[in-house]
Amino acid sequence: MNELKQELKALIIETLKLEETTPESIDDEQPLFGEGLGLDSIDALELTVAVERRYRLSIGDEQVGRRAFASLSSLASFVAENRQDRAAAV
């Protein structure tokens, strides 16, 4: 799971072009949106597309997305449970 979290941190930084952010500065439990990492609705769309493509999964609706993107830990759990090609993603 730690390897997946590191992958997701790198994906977030790369996808959203957060050049000032390092993987180490993203706390696993901090909120990704609002007060935590400070992402917004545009970031949510970009990140959703990137995660769906990378891990070949679908984030069905807004409710699922809110739970999945609550924190890095929740995103890692969601990806681990729902990705289609586990071998390629790890």
C-alpha atoms as a PDB file:
ATOM      1  CA  MET A   1       0.000   0.000   0.000  1.00  0.00           C
ATOM      2  CA  ASN A   2       2.899   2.388   0.687  1.00  0.00           C
ATOM      3  CA  GLU A   3       4.160   1.937  -2.868  1.00  0.00           C
ATOM      4  CA  LEU A   4       0.693   2.744  -4.215  1.00  0.00           C
ATOM      5  CA  LYS A   5       0.517   5.864  -2.036  1.00  0.00           C
ATOM      6  CA  GLN A   6       3.875   7.036  -3.411  1.00  0.00           C
ATOM      7  CA  GLU A   7       2.639   6.420  -6.976  1.00  0.00           C
ATOM      8  CA  LEU A   8      -0.512   8.409  -6.277  1.00  0.00           C
ATOM      9  CA  LYS A   9       1.448  11.289  -4.761  1.00  0.00           C
ATOM     10  CA  ALA A  10       3.642  11.427  -7.871  1.00  0.00           C
ATOM     11  CA  LEU A  11       0.555  11.227 -10.100  1.00  0.00           C
ATOM     12  CA  ILE A  12      -1.098  14.126  -8.249  1.00  0.00           C
ATOM     13  CA  ILE A  13       2.020  16.291  -8.503  1.00  0.00           C
ATOM     14  CA  GLU A  14       2.579  15.478 -12.181  1.00  0.00           C
ATOM     15  CA  THR A  15      -1.054  15.743 -13.302  1.00  0.00           C
ATOM     16  CA  LEU A  16      -1.736  19.008 -11.504  1.00  0.00           C
ATOM     17  CA  LYS A  17       1.728  20.471 -12.138  1.00  0.00           C
ATOM     18  CA  LEU A  18       2.335  21.136  -8.448  1.00  0.00           C
ATOM     19  CA  GLU A  19       6.013  21.968  -8.916  1.00  0.00           C
ATOM     20  CA  GLU A  20       6.375  23.403  -5.415  1.00  0.00           C
ATOM     21  CA  THR A  21       4.994  20.217  -3.832  1.00  0.00           C
ATOM     22  CA  THR A  22       7.021  17.120  -2.980  1.00  0.00           C
ATOM     23  CA  PRO A  23       5.622  13.641  -2.286  1.00  0.00           C
ATOM     24  CA  GLU A  24       6.913  13.950   1.274  1.00  0.00           C
ATOM     25  CA  SER A  25       4.852  17.102   1.827  1.00  0.00           C
ATOM     26  CA  ILE A  26       1.575  15.312   1.080  1.00  0.00           C
ATOM     27  CA  ASP A  27       0.265  13.802   4.303  1.00  0.00           C
ATOM     28  CA  ASP A  28      -1.625  10.552   3.785  1.00  0.00           C
ATOM     29  CA  GLU A  29      -4.524  11.679   5.994  1.00  0.00           C
ATOM     30  CA  GLN A  30      -4.858  15.366   5.072  1.00  0.00           C
ATOM     31  CA  PRO A  31      -7.821  16.368   2.910  1.00  0.00           C
ATOM     32  CA  LEU A  32      -6.891  16.688  -0.751  1.00  0.00           C
ATOM     33  CA  PHE A  33      -9.432  19.470  -1.302  1.00  0.00           C
ATOM     34  CA  GLY A  34     -10.126  22.674   0.583  1.00  0.00           C
ATOM     35  CA  GLU A  35      -7.948  23.256   3.623  1.00  0.00           C
ATOM     36  CA  GLY A  36      -5.673  20.263   3.095  1.00  0.00           C
ATOM     37  CA  LEU A  37      -3.738  20.160  -0.171  1.00  0.00           C
ATOM     38  CA  GLY A  38      -5.966  22.950  -1.461  1.00  0.00           C
ATOM     39  CA  LEU A  39      -7.206  21.359  -4.653  1.00  0.00           C
ATOM     40  CA  ASP A  40     -10.342  22.683  -6.350  1.00  0.00           C
ATOM     41  CA  SER A  41     -13.079  21.372  -8.669  1.00  0.00           C
ATOM     42  CA  ILE A  42     -10.954  21.739 -11.827  1.00  0.00           C
ATOM     43  CA  ASP A  43      -8.197  19.751 -10.098  1.00  0.00           C
ATOM     44  CA  ALA A  44     -10.799  17.121  -9.203  1.00  0.00           C
ATOM     45  CA  LEU A  45     -11.738  16.651 -12.852  1.00  0.00           C
ATOM     46  CA  GLU A  46      -8.128  16.405 -14.002  1.00  0.00           C
ATOM     47  CA  LEU A  47      -7.199  14.038 -11.209  1.00  0.00           C
ATOM     48  CA  THR A  48     -10.254  11.846 -11.779  1.00  0.00           C
ATOM     49  CA  VAL A  49      -9.342  11.390 -15.446  1.00  0.00           C
ATOM     50  CA  ALA A  50      -5.700  10.645 -14.593  1.00  0.00           C
ATOM     51  CA  VAL A  51      -6.596   8.052 -11.936  1.00  0.00           C
ATOM     52  CA  GLU A  52      -9.218   6.390 -14.148  1.00  0.00           C
ATOM     53  CA  ARG A  53      -6.756   6.103 -17.045  1.00  0.00           C
ATOM     54  CA  ARG A  54      -3.752   5.029 -15.004  1.00  0.00           C
ATOM     55  CA  TYR A  55      -5.527   2.358 -12.975  1.00  0.00           C
ATOM     56  CA  ARG A  56      -8.261   1.470 -15.493  1.00  0.00           C
ATOM     57  CA  LEU A  57     -11.134   2.027 -13.119  1.00  0.00           C
ATOM     58  CA  SER A  58     -14.255   4.130 -13.023  1.00  0.00           C
ATOM     59  CA  ILE A  59     -15.287   6.655 -10.430  1.00  0.00           C
ATOM     60  CA  GLY A  60     -19.013   6.249 -10.931  1.00  0.00           C
ATOM     61  CA  ASP A  61     -20.486   9.401  -9.482  1.00  0.00           C
ATOM     62  CA  GLU A  62     -19.839  12.433  -7.318  1.00  0.00           C
ATOM     63  CA  GLN A  63     -20.579  10.596  -4.049  1.00  0.00           C
ATOM     64  CA  VAL A  64     -18.031   7.888  -4.850  1.00  0.00           C
ATOM     65  CA  GLY A  65     -15.539  10.562  -5.911  1.00  0.00           C
ATOM     66  CA  ARG A  66     -15.957  12.517  -2.678  1.00  0.00           C
ATOM     67  CA  ARG A  67     -15.210   9.416  -0.612  1.00  0.00           C
ATOM     68  CA  ALA A  68     -12.337   8.296  -2.830  1.00  0.00           C
ATOM     69  CA  PHE A  69     -10.665  11.714  -2.910  1.00  0.00           C
ATOM     70  CA  ALA A  70     -11.172  12.564   0.769  1.00  0.00           C
ATOM     71  CA  SER A  71      -7.474  11.925   1.467  1.00  0.00           C
ATOM     72  CA  LEU A  72      -4.532  10.151  -0.087  1.00  0.00           C
ATOM     73  CA  SER A  73      -5.184   7.115   2.106  1.00  0.00           C
ATOM     74  CA  SER A  74      -8.803   6.879   0.981  1.00  0.00           C
ATOM     75  CA  LEU A  75      -7.724   7.262  -2.648  1.00  0.00           C
ATOM     76  CA  ALA A  76      -5.140   4.485  -2.272  1.00  0.00           C
ATOM     77  CA  SER A  77      -7.760   2.192  -0.717  1.00  0.00           C
ATOM     78  CA  PHE A  78     -10.235   2.960  -3.501  1.00  0.00           C
ATOM     79  CA  VAL A  79      -7.646   2.282  -6.218  1.00  0.00           C
ATOM     80  CA  ALA A  80      -6.465  -0.935  -4.546  1.00  0.00           C
ATOM     81  CA  GLU A  81     -10.040  -2.240  -4.374  1.00  0.00           C
ATOM     82  CA  ASN A  82     -11.148  -1.172  -7.864  1.00  0.00           C
ATOM     83  CA  ARG A  83      -8.269  -1.164 -10.323  1.00  0.00           C
ATOM     84  CA  GLN A  84      -8.514  -3.509 -13.274  1.00  0.00           C
ATOM     85  CA  ASP A  85      -4.867  -4.383 -13.872  1.00  0.00           C
ATOM     86  CA  ARG A  86      -3.211  -4.823 -10.501  1.00  0.00           C
ATOM     87  CA  ALA A  87       0.067  -6.159 -11.899  1.00  0.00           C
ATOM     88  CA  ALA A  88       0.592  -3.206 -14.237  1.00  0.00           C
ATOM     89  CA  ALA A  89      -0.342  -0.634 -11.605  1.00  0.00           C
ATOM     90  CA  VAL A  90       1.992  -1.874  -8.866  1.00  0.00           C
END
